Amino acid sequence: MREVNGAGEVSMKHFIEAMKKIKPSITPEMIKFYEAWYERMKQTLTRERQRAPTLYV
């Protein structure tokens, strides 16, 4: 948005230019950590649903 001082519109062109300059800040290790966390939470929720009493009769 530095092209024009006071510009109020962001176009796809701006995003494409930004993607060329800005690199991802999440490392592959972070992705692995959150994928593993997601799998653990899925398993925990599945177990909790199996143990939870039915609310409907």
N, C-alpha and C. Protein backbone atom coordinates (compact mmCIF):
# COMPACT_ATOMS: atom_id res chain seq x y z
N MET A 1 0.82 -1.20 0.00
CA MET A 1 0.00 0.00 0.00
C MET A 1 0.86 1.26 0.00
N ARG A 2 2.13 1.09 -0.15
CA ARG A 2 3.01 2.25 -0.14
C ARG A 2 3.08 2.93 -1.50
N GLU A 3 2.43 2.31 -2.51
CA GLU A 3 2.49 2.91 -3.85
C GLU A 3 1.90 4.31 -3.85
N VAL A 4 0.74 4.41 -3.25
CA VAL A 4 0.03 5.69 -3.26
C VAL A 4 -0.28 6.05 -1.82
N ASN A 5 0.18 7.20 -1.41
CA ASN A 5 -0.06 7.64 -0.04
C ASN A 5 -1.56 7.85 0.16
N GLY A 6 -2.12 7.20 1.18
CA GLY A 6 -3.53 7.36 1.49
C GLY A 6 -4.44 6.45 0.69
N ALA A 7 -3.89 5.48 -0.04
CA ALA A 7 -4.72 4.56 -0.82
C ALA A 7 -5.60 3.76 0.12
N GLY A 8 -6.84 3.55 -0.25
CA GLY A 8 -7.78 2.86 0.61
C GLY A 8 -8.18 1.49 0.09
N GLU A 9 -7.58 1.03 -0.96
CA GLU A 9 -8.00 -0.24 -1.55
C GLU A 9 -6.80 -1.19 -1.68
N VAL A 10 -7.04 -2.42 -1.31
CA VAL A 10 -6.02 -3.45 -1.46
C VAL A 10 -6.51 -4.41 -2.54
N SER A 11 -5.70 -4.60 -3.54
CA SER A 11 -6.10 -5.48 -4.64
C SER A 11 -5.30 -6.78 -4.59
N MET A 12 -5.67 -7.73 -5.42
CA MET A 12 -4.97 -9.01 -5.49
C MET A 12 -3.50 -8.79 -5.85
N LYS A 13 -3.24 -7.77 -6.65
CA LYS A 13 -1.87 -7.44 -7.03
C LYS A 13 -1.01 -7.20 -5.77
N HIS A 14 -1.56 -6.54 -4.78
CA HIS A 14 -0.82 -6.27 -3.55
C HIS A 14 -0.49 -7.57 -2.81
N PHE A 15 -1.45 -8.50 -2.76
CA PHE A 15 -1.21 -9.78 -2.10
C PHE A 15 -0.14 -10.59 -2.83
N ILE A 16 -0.21 -10.59 -4.13
CA ILE A 16 0.77 -11.34 -4.93
C ILE A 16 2.18 -10.78 -4.71
N GLU A 17 2.31 -9.47 -4.69
CA GLU A 17 3.61 -8.84 -4.44
C GLU A 17 4.10 -9.16 -3.03
N ALA A 18 3.20 -9.14 -2.07
CA ALA A 18 3.58 -9.45 -0.69
C ALA A 18 4.05 -10.90 -0.57
N MET A 19 3.39 -11.82 -1.25
CA MET A 19 3.76 -13.23 -1.19
C MET A 19 5.16 -13.46 -1.76
N LYS A 20 5.58 -12.63 -2.66
CA LYS A 20 6.93 -12.75 -3.22
C LYS A 20 7.99 -12.33 -2.20
N LYS A 21 7.63 -11.44 -1.29
CA LYS A 21 8.59 -10.88 -0.34
C LYS A 21 8.55 -11.53 1.04
N ILE A 22 7.38 -11.92 1.47
CA ILE A 22 7.19 -12.43 2.83
C ILE A 22 7.28 -13.95 2.81
N LYS A 23 8.07 -14.49 3.70
CA LYS A 23 8.24 -15.95 3.80
C LYS A 23 7.41 -16.47 4.97
N PRO A 24 7.01 -17.75 4.93
CA PRO A 24 6.22 -18.33 6.02
C PRO A 24 6.98 -18.24 7.35
N SER A 25 6.23 -18.02 8.42
CA SER A 25 6.87 -17.92 9.73
C SER A 25 6.68 -19.20 10.55
N ILE A 26 5.98 -20.17 10.01
CA ILE A 26 5.75 -21.43 10.70
C ILE A 26 6.73 -22.47 10.15
N THR A 27 7.46 -23.10 11.04
CA THR A 27 8.46 -24.09 10.63
C THR A 27 7.80 -25.45 10.42
N PRO A 28 8.44 -26.33 9.68
CA PRO A 28 7.91 -27.69 9.52
C PRO A 28 7.73 -28.41 10.86
N GLU A 29 8.60 -28.12 11.83
CA GLU A 29 8.48 -28.72 13.16
C GLU A 29 7.20 -28.26 13.85
N MET A 30 6.85 -27.00 13.68
CA MET A 30 5.62 -26.48 14.27
C MET A 30 4.40 -27.16 13.65
N ILE A 31 4.43 -27.37 12.36
CA ILE A 31 3.32 -28.05 11.67
C ILE A 31 3.17 -29.46 12.21
N LYS A 32 4.28 -30.18 12.37
CA LYS A 32 4.24 -31.54 12.92
C LYS A 32 3.66 -31.54 14.32
N PHE A 33 4.08 -30.57 15.15
CA PHE A 33 3.59 -30.48 16.52
C PHE A 33 2.07 -30.32 16.54
N TYR A 34 1.53 -29.41 15.74
CA TYR A 34 0.09 -29.16 15.75
C TYR A 34 -0.70 -30.29 15.10
N GLU A 35 -0.12 -30.96 14.11
CA GLU A 35 -0.79 -32.13 13.54
C GLU A 35 -0.90 -33.24 14.58
N ALA A 36 0.17 -33.45 15.34
CA ALA A 36 0.16 -34.47 16.40
C ALA A 36 -0.85 -34.08 17.49
N TRP A 37 -0.89 -32.80 17.85
CA TRP A 37 -1.84 -32.31 18.85
C TRP A 37 -3.27 -32.55 18.37
N TYR A 38 -3.53 -32.25 17.11
CA TYR A 38 -4.85 -32.44 16.53
C TYR A 38 -5.27 -33.91 16.63
N GLU A 39 -4.38 -34.81 16.30
CA GLU A 39 -4.69 -36.24 16.38
C GLU A 39 -4.99 -36.67 17.82
N ARG A 40 -4.20 -36.17 18.77
CA ARG A 40 -4.46 -36.49 20.18
C ARG A 40 -5.82 -35.98 20.63
N MET A 41 -6.17 -34.77 20.22
CA MET A 41 -7.47 -34.20 20.61
C MET A 41 -8.62 -34.98 19.98
N LYS A 42 -8.43 -35.41 18.74
CA LYS A 42 -9.47 -36.22 18.08
C LYS A 42 -9.71 -37.50 18.86
N GLN A 43 -8.64 -38.15 19.27
CA GLN A 43 -8.77 -39.40 20.03
C GLN A 43 -9.43 -39.15 21.38
N THR A 44 -9.05 -38.07 22.03
CA THR A 44 -9.63 -37.73 23.33
C THR A 44 -11.13 -37.47 23.20
N LEU A 45 -11.52 -36.71 22.19
CA LEU A 45 -12.94 -36.42 21.99
C LEU A 45 -13.73 -37.68 21.68
N THR A 46 -13.15 -38.57 20.89
CA THR A 46 -13.83 -39.82 20.55
C THR A 46 -14.06 -40.64 21.82
N ARG A 47 -13.05 -40.74 22.67
CA ARG A 47 -13.19 -41.49 23.93
C ARG A 47 -14.23 -40.84 24.83
N GLU A 48 -14.22 -39.53 24.93
CA GLU A 48 -15.17 -38.83 25.79
C GLU A 48 -16.60 -39.02 25.29
N ARG A 49 -16.80 -39.00 24.01
CA ARG A 49 -18.14 -39.21 23.45
C ARG A 49 -18.63 -40.62 23.73
N GLN A 50 -17.73 -41.59 23.72
CA GLN A 50 -18.12 -42.97 23.99
C GLN A 50 -18.50 -43.14 25.46
N ARG A 51 -17.87 -42.42 26.35
CA ARG A 51 -18.13 -42.54 27.78
C ARG A 51 -19.30 -41.67 28.24
N ALA A 52 -19.62 -40.62 27.51
CA ALA A 52 -20.64 -39.67 27.94
C ALA A 52 -22.02 -40.33 27.89
N PRO A 53 -22.83 -40.07 28.93
CA PRO A 53 -24.20 -40.60 28.91
C PRO A 53 -25.02 -39.92 27.83
N THR A 54 -25.96 -40.63 27.31
CA THR A 54 -26.84 -40.08 26.29
C THR A 54 -27.76 -39.05 26.92
N LEU A 55 -27.90 -37.91 26.29
CA LEU A 55 -28.75 -36.86 26.81
C LEU A 55 -30.21 -37.03 26.37
N TYR A 56 -30.41 -37.82 25.35
CA TYR A 56 -31.76 -38.03 24.81
C TYR A 56 -32.25 -39.42 25.17
N VAL A 57 -33.53 -39.52 25.48
CA VAL A 57 -34.12 -40.81 25.85
C VAL A 57 -34.94 -41.32 24.71
